Structures are given as structure tokens and as C-alpha cells.
């Protein structure tokens, strides 16, 4: 059964660890992440971008698949199904489709409009037991065609949004989606501490978890980050394992062309990186 992300993240804040949000793209991705969470007794958040939702034919398909998998696989650890960087309309669709957690990304609106829309979605979500994440200061890099430069959020704006009753907050602290460029300056911990001071125990979210050095991740967790989003790294591991399989000519041996065999190395590779991240974030045995 799906749960909202509120309880798992509040526990993470008090326990000084973080829960990973791993984005899903298809059945293999979902199965690998759920299996790894169960094997390591870790809570987990499955992230779905609007583009991935569309790719999988719609949010209802995703919701039905994930709920059925949890049942069929006997998953007992807490699992939240979360809309990642949702538009206002996308958020409404996911609420209807049975998602247990929503991110409304109103960071590109003027702050007043971000506040108005966030406030409305908080009320709808909370009436249905769904958790809501909001964003202040756009996260850099590119995700589904949305390009940001890695802005640093204004702590006062963070407080304004936090006070609307949201469950967790994504605040830009120089982090970006995708691979980090050579000249990346690193996370802005002063900005993180300033935001934390304003919002108290509200869990913070770090987007763009791929490629941030482990010590920076651990420092961010110590400063109140309780949810870390990982997407690119799973894709890179999957790609690398699939490439090796084909370059070794395995797809030409026997029934090696069977998609179940062809996708198996990538599936196993996702499990490896998800476990590594769970160890780094400290969420193992926290279910």
C-alpha cells in the first residue's frame, strides 16, 4: 500500500538521515528500486516526472502498476509514489490517479502566484492524506526540458512557502539536475543553514543528487536535508550495463535477444546504485 512521504521524512529529520527519491521510467526501474528497498529494509520514494508519466501512457497506468507491484512483490517497507516537478494541472491529475505524494513546482511563477497555487494544493492534498512538496529558487540543469541555472533560494521566500503547511521543501542551494559541470562551485551550505533557521524542522529536499560528492551529501543531511532525488545516476548505470552486454555480443548468443535477458544487466545495475545511495543516505534498516 502506498503511503504519503510525510511520516518517513519527519522520521528522517529526527534521525539525521535521508530517504532517496529514485525516479522511475518503466517496469524494470520500478521493480529494481522496490526490490532493493525491501532487501535493505529502507523506506523509498518513487519519483515520476511529467515526461516519464506521459511515456508510461499516463499517471493512472503508473499508479496502477506501482500499487499492483507492491502487492504482488509483497513489499512491506513504506513506499511513496511522488510526482516530480509537477505543474499545477499535472498535480491535479496525479491526485486523481492515486499518487500518495505530489511536488508542485511553482518556482517559475511570481512568488504571490506560487503561494496561491501551493496553498490550494496543500488543502486538496491534505484532505486526501497526500503529502506536498513545494519549490523555491529553481534547481539548475535540465529536467524534461526545464532548464535552470542552479539558483540559491531566498530564505525569506522559503519561510513564506513553508508557512503554507507544505510537508517538505525543495530549496535551491546551487544544486543542478544531470551531470555537474567541471566548474561547479559546490553546494551553498550557508544558504542551507539560513533556510533551515527560518523553517525549523520542516524536511528539506535536495534535487540533483547525481554527482554531488559524498561528504557534501552527508553535510547536507546534517543540516536538515531529509529527501534526496536521484535519477541520472540510475540511467547512467543502466546504460553502461546494457552497453557492455551488447558489446560483448551476448544478445547474439542463444536467446540473448529476449528483452528479459537484454534488460537484466541494466536491472541489476540499478539495484547496485540504489543500494549504494541508501547506504550513503543512511536509510537502510529505517523502515
Protein backbone atom coordinates (compact mmCIF):
# COMPACT_ATOMS: atom_id res chain seq x y z
CA UNK A 1 0.00 0.00 0.00
CA UNK A 2 1.28 3.45 -0.89
CA UNK A 3 1.88 5.94 1.92
CA UNK A 4 2.46 9.68 1.92
CA UNK A 5 6.07 10.79 2.37
CA UNK A 6 5.35 12.95 5.41
CA UNK A 7 5.96 10.43 8.18
CA UNK A 8 9.04 8.87 6.59
CA UNK A 9 10.65 12.29 6.11
CA UNK A 10 9.80 13.57 9.58
CA UNK A 11 11.45 10.43 10.97
CA UNK A 12 14.45 11.08 8.73
CA UNK A 13 14.83 14.64 10.07
CA UNK A 14 14.85 13.47 13.68
CA UNK A 15 17.09 10.50 12.86
CA UNK A 16 19.53 12.61 10.82
CA UNK A 17 19.33 10.51 7.66
CA UNK A 18 17.66 10.99 4.26
CA UNK A 19 15.24 8.96 2.17
CA UNK A 20 16.07 8.57 -1.51
CA UNK A 21 13.65 9.50 -4.25
CA UNK A 22 14.51 7.36 -7.24
CA UNK A 23 12.81 8.28 -10.49
CA UNK A 24 11.11 5.52 -12.43
CA UNK A 25 10.82 5.15 -16.20
CA UNK A 26 9.32 1.70 -16.72
CA UNK A 27 8.59 -1.68 -15.12
CA UNK A 28 12.28 -2.66 -14.78
CA UNK A 29 13.14 0.57 -13.00
CA UNK A 30 10.23 0.25 -10.58
CA UNK A 31 10.84 -3.41 -9.81
CA UNK A 32 14.59 -2.87 -9.22
CA UNK A 33 14.02 0.03 -6.82
CA UNK A 34 11.21 -1.69 -4.87
CA UNK A 35 13.23 -4.90 -4.56
CA UNK A 36 16.30 -3.01 -3.30
CA UNK A 37 14.23 -1.09 -0.74
CA UNK A 38 12.69 -4.31 0.56
CA UNK A 39 16.03 -6.16 0.70
CA UNK A 40 17.59 -3.29 2.67
CA UNK A 41 14.57 -2.53 4.84
CA UNK A 42 14.58 1.08 3.66
CA UNK A 43 11.70 3.49 3.08
CA UNK A 44 11.65 4.72 -0.52
CA UNK A 45 10.07 7.36 -2.72
CA UNK A 46 9.36 6.57 -6.38
CA UNK A 47 9.58 9.78 -8.40
CA UNK A 48 7.67 10.28 -11.63
CA UNK A 49 8.34 13.32 -13.81
CA UNK A 50 5.57 14.53 -16.09
CA UNK A 51 7.60 13.34 -19.09
CA UNK A 52 8.04 9.86 -17.62
CA UNK A 53 4.34 9.75 -16.75
CA UNK A 54 3.49 10.56 -20.36
CA UNK A 55 5.99 7.97 -21.60
CA UNK A 56 4.30 5.28 -19.47
CA UNK A 57 0.95 6.30 -21.09
CA UNK A 58 -0.32 8.35 -18.16
CA UNK A 59 -0.38 8.71 -14.38
CA UNK A 60 -3.20 6.19 -13.94
CA UNK A 61 -1.08 3.50 -15.59
CA UNK A 62 1.87 4.33 -13.32
CA UNK A 63 -0.26 4.36 -10.17
CA UNK A 64 -1.93 1.05 -11.03
CA UNK A 65 1.41 -0.60 -11.89
CA UNK A 66 3.14 0.54 -8.69
CA UNK A 67 0.23 -0.39 -6.42
CA UNK A 68 -0.07 -3.82 -8.05
CA UNK A 69 3.69 -4.42 -7.82
CA UNK A 70 3.76 -3.59 -4.10
CA UNK A 71 1.06 -6.23 -3.60
CA UNK A 72 2.48 -8.87 -5.96
CA UNK A 73 6.06 -8.49 -4.66
CA UNK A 74 4.98 -8.48 -1.01
CA UNK A 75 6.62 -5.12 -0.34
CA UNK A 76 6.26 -4.14 3.32
CA UNK A 77 8.59 -1.11 3.56
CA UNK A 78 6.98 2.36 3.26
CA UNK A 79 6.67 3.41 -0.40
CA UNK A 80 5.50 6.83 -1.60
CA UNK A 81 4.60 7.47 -5.23
CA UNK A 82 5.59 11.05 -5.90
CA UNK A 83 5.04 13.45 -8.79
CA UNK A 84 8.37 15.14 -9.51
CA UNK A 85 8.39 18.81 -10.64
CA UNK A 86 4.66 18.79 -11.19
CA UNK A 87 2.79 21.54 -12.97
CA UNK A 88 -0.48 22.76 -11.45
CA UNK A 89 -2.50 20.60 -13.90
CA UNK A 90 -0.16 17.64 -13.52
CA UNK A 91 -0.57 17.80 -9.74
CA UNK A 92 -4.37 17.67 -10.08
CA UNK A 93 -4.12 14.65 -12.43
CA UNK A 94 -1.82 12.75 -10.06
CA UNK A 95 -4.09 13.42 -7.09
CA UNK A 96 -6.92 11.83 -9.11
CA UNK A 97 -4.72 8.95 -10.28
CA UNK A 98 -3.93 7.84 -6.72
CA UNK A 99 -0.40 9.17 -6.16
CA UNK A 100 0.46 9.43 -2.46
CA UNK A 101 2.76 12.46 -2.74
CA UNK A 102 2.97 15.48 -5.02
CA UNK A 103 5.60 18.05 -5.84
CA UNK A 104 4.18 21.26 -7.14
CA UNK A 105 6.94 23.24 -8.79
CA UNK A 106 5.72 26.82 -8.81
CA UNK A 107 9.26 28.22 -8.74
CA UNK A 108 8.85 29.84 -12.18
CA UNK A 109 5.76 31.81 -11.07
CA UNK A 110 5.96 35.17 -9.29
CA UNK A 111 6.10 34.40 -5.54
CA UNK A 112 2.47 35.55 -4.96
CA UNK A 113 1.15 33.12 -7.57
CA UNK A 114 3.40 30.32 -6.30
CA UNK A 115 1.91 30.93 -2.84
CA UNK A 116 -1.72 30.97 -4.05
CA UNK A 117 -1.41 27.77 -6.07
CA UNK A 118 0.63 25.98 -3.38
CA UNK A 119 -1.94 26.92 -0.74
CA UNK A 120 -4.78 25.48 -2.79
CA UNK A 121 -2.90 22.24 -3.48
CA UNK A 122 -1.95 21.86 0.21
CA UNK A 123 -5.64 21.88 1.12
CA UNK A 124 -6.61 19.36 -1.56
CA UNK A 125 -3.68 17.04 -0.78
CA UNK A 126 -4.13 17.11 2.97
CA UNK A 127 -7.84 16.37 2.68
CA UNK A 128 -6.80 13.13 0.94
CA UNK A 129 -3.78 12.22 3.09
CA UNK A 130 -1.30 13.11 0.34
CA UNK A 131 2.00 14.88 1.08
CA UNK A 132 3.01 18.03 -0.80
CA UNK A 133 6.48 19.29 -1.73
CA UNK A 134 6.99 22.85 -2.96
CA UNK A 135 10.00 24.54 -4.55
CA UNK A 136 11.65 27.92 -4.10
CA UNK A 137 14.54 29.04 -6.31
CA UNK A 138 14.81 26.97 -9.47
CA UNK A 139 17.04 23.90 -9.42
CA UNK A 140 19.69 24.14 -12.12
CA UNK A 141 20.38 21.93 -15.10
CA UNK A 142 17.80 20.37 -17.36
CA UNK A 143 14.92 18.10 -16.49
CA UNK A 144 12.21 17.36 -19.02
CA UNK A 145 13.18 20.46 -20.98
CA UNK A 146 13.09 22.75 -17.93
CA UNK A 147 16.47 24.47 -17.69
CA UNK A 148 17.62 26.28 -14.55
CA UNK A 149 20.97 27.76 -13.59
CA UNK A 150 21.19 26.44 -10.01
CA UNK A 151 19.81 29.47 -8.21
CA UNK A 152 20.08 29.89 -4.46
CA UNK A 153 16.70 30.24 -2.80
CA UNK A 154 15.86 33.29 -0.70
CA UNK A 155 15.40 32.07 2.92
CA UNK A 156 12.54 34.57 3.46
CA UNK A 157 10.66 33.21 0.44
CA UNK A 158 11.30 29.70 1.76
CA UNK A 159 9.67 30.71 5.04
CA UNK A 160 6.63 32.16 3.22
CA UNK A 161 6.09 28.89 1.34
CA UNK A 162 6.88 26.71 4.38
CA UNK A 163 4.23 28.54 6.40
CA UNK A 164 1.53 27.40 3.95
CA UNK A 165 1.54 23.98 5.60
CA UNK A 166 3.54 22.08 2.99
CA UNK A 167 5.17 18.80 4.09
CA UNK A 168 8.68 19.32 2.68
CA UNK A 169 10.53 21.98 0.77
CA UNK A 170 12.92 21.92 -2.18
CA UNK A 171 15.18 24.94 -1.83
CA UNK A 172 17.79 25.64 -4.48
CA UNK A 173 21.29 25.71 -2.96
CA UNK A 174 23.38 25.67 -6.14
CA UNK A 175 22.41 22.07 -6.98
CA UNK A 176 21.57 21.10 -10.56
CA UNK A 177 19.91 18.23 -12.43
CA UNK A 178 22.03 15.94 -14.60
CA UNK A 179 25.82 15.80 -14.67
CA UNK A 180 27.69 18.57 -12.84
CA UNK A 181 29.99 20.77 -14.95
CA UNK A 182 33.73 20.95 -14.21
CA UNK A 183 33.44 24.49 -12.85
CA UNK A 184 30.59 23.74 -10.40
CA UNK A 185 31.13 25.66 -7.18
CA UNK A 186 29.51 23.10 -4.87
CA UNK A 187 26.54 23.35 -2.55
CA UNK A 188 25.91 26.61 -0.71
CA UNK A 189 25.79 25.43 2.91
CA UNK A 190 25.40 28.95 4.30
CA UNK A 191 22.19 29.34 2.30
CA UNK A 192 21.05 25.91 3.50
CA UNK A 193 21.72 26.81 7.15
CA UNK A 194 19.94 30.17 6.74
CA UNK A 195 16.89 28.46 5.25
CA UNK A 196 16.91 25.80 7.99
CA UNK A 197 16.94 28.54 10.62
CA UNK A 198 13.77 30.04 9.12
CA UNK A 199 11.79 26.84 8.59
CA UNK A 200 12.72 24.78 11.65
CA UNK A 201 12.10 21.03 11.42
CA UNK A 202 10.39 21.04 8.02
CA UNK A 203 12.21 18.42 5.91
CA UNK A 204 14.34 19.83 3.10
CA UNK A 205 14.76 18.22 -0.31
CA UNK A 206 17.95 18.09 -2.36
CA UNK A 207 17.30 17.75 -6.10
CA UNK A 208 20.05 16.69 -8.49
CA UNK A 209 21.64 14.09 -6.20
CA UNK A 210 23.77 12.61 -9.01
CA UNK A 211 27.40 13.64 -8.83
CA UNK A 212 27.34 15.56 -5.53
CA UNK A 213 30.36 14.33 -3.53
CA UNK A 214 29.53 12.04 -0.58
CA UNK A 215 30.88 14.44 2.04
CA UNK A 216 28.64 17.24 0.73
CA UNK A 217 25.64 14.89 0.81
CA UNK A 218 26.40 13.98 4.43
CA UNK A 219 26.83 17.61 5.42
CA UNK A 220 23.53 18.50 3.73
CA UNK A 221 21.79 15.71 5.68
CA UNK A 222 23.28 17.02 8.94
CA UNK A 223 21.75 20.42 8.09
CA UNK A 224 18.22 19.08 7.66
CA UNK A 225 18.02 17.59 4.16
CA UNK A 226 15.77 14.53 4.50
CA UNK A 227 14.95 13.68 0.87
CA UNK A 228 17.49 13.35 -1.92
CA UNK A 229 16.46 12.88 -5.55
CA UNK A 230 18.43 10.53 -7.77
CA UNK A 231 17.67 9.97 -11.44
CA UNK A 232 20.61 10.49 -13.82
CA UNK A 233 22.87 8.07 -11.96
CA UNK A 234 20.42 5.17 -12.34
CA UNK A 235 20.16 5.97 -16.05
CA UNK A 236 23.95 6.00 -16.45
CA UNK A 237 24.36 2.67 -14.62
CA UNK A 238 21.59 1.13 -16.72
CA UNK A 239 23.13 2.41 -19.94
CA UNK A 240 26.62 1.19 -19.06
CA UNK A 241 25.47 -2.34 -18.17
CA UNK A 242 23.32 -2.59 -21.31
CA UNK A 243 26.18 -1.36 -23.50
CA UNK A 244 28.57 -3.97 -22.05
CA UNK A 245 26.04 -6.74 -22.67
CA UNK A 246 25.66 -5.78 -26.32
CA UNK A 247 29.35 -5.03 -26.90
CA UNK A 248 30.16 -8.50 -25.56
CA UNK A 249 27.79 -9.92 -28.17
CA UNK A 250 25.60 -11.56 -25.51
CA UNK A 251 22.44 -10.53 -27.36
CA UNK A 252 23.56 -12.78 -30.25
CA UNK A 253 24.10 -15.89 -28.09
CA UNK A 254 21.18 -18.29 -27.74
CA UNK A 255 18.10 -16.40 -26.58
CA UNK A 256 20.17 -13.38 -25.58
CA UNK A 257 17.92 -11.13 -27.64
CA UNK A 258 14.96 -11.85 -25.32
CA UNK A 259 14.16 -8.46 -23.72
CA UNK A 260 14.09 -10.11 -20.31
CA UNK A 261 17.71 -11.15 -20.83
CA UNK A 262 18.70 -7.96 -22.62
CA UNK A 263 17.39 -5.75 -19.82
CA UNK A 264 18.62 -7.93 -16.94
CA UNK A 265 22.15 -6.44 -16.61
CA UNK A 266 20.71 -2.91 -16.52
CA UNK A 267 18.16 -4.01 -13.94
CA UNK A 268 20.91 -5.42 -11.70
CA UNK A 269 22.97 -2.24 -12.19
CA UNK A 270 20.10 -0.08 -10.94
CA UNK A 271 19.91 -2.24 -7.81
CA UNK A 272 23.63 -1.67 -7.18
CA UNK A 273 23.46 2.12 -7.36
CA UNK A 274 20.19 2.35 -5.39
CA UNK A 275 21.72 0.32 -2.56
CA UNK A 276 24.85 2.50 -2.61
CA UNK A 277 22.70 5.62 -2.31
CA UNK A 278 20.63 4.12 0.52
CA UNK A 279 23.87 3.40 2.39
CA UNK A 280 25.12 6.94 1.79
CA UNK A 281 21.81 8.50 2.83
CA UNK A 282 21.59 6.32 5.96
CA UNK A 283 18.11 4.95 5.25
CA UNK A 284 18.96 1.23 5.46
CA UNK A 285 17.01 -0.54 8.24
CA UNK A 286 14.97 2.61 8.86
CA UNK A 287 11.72 1.15 7.50
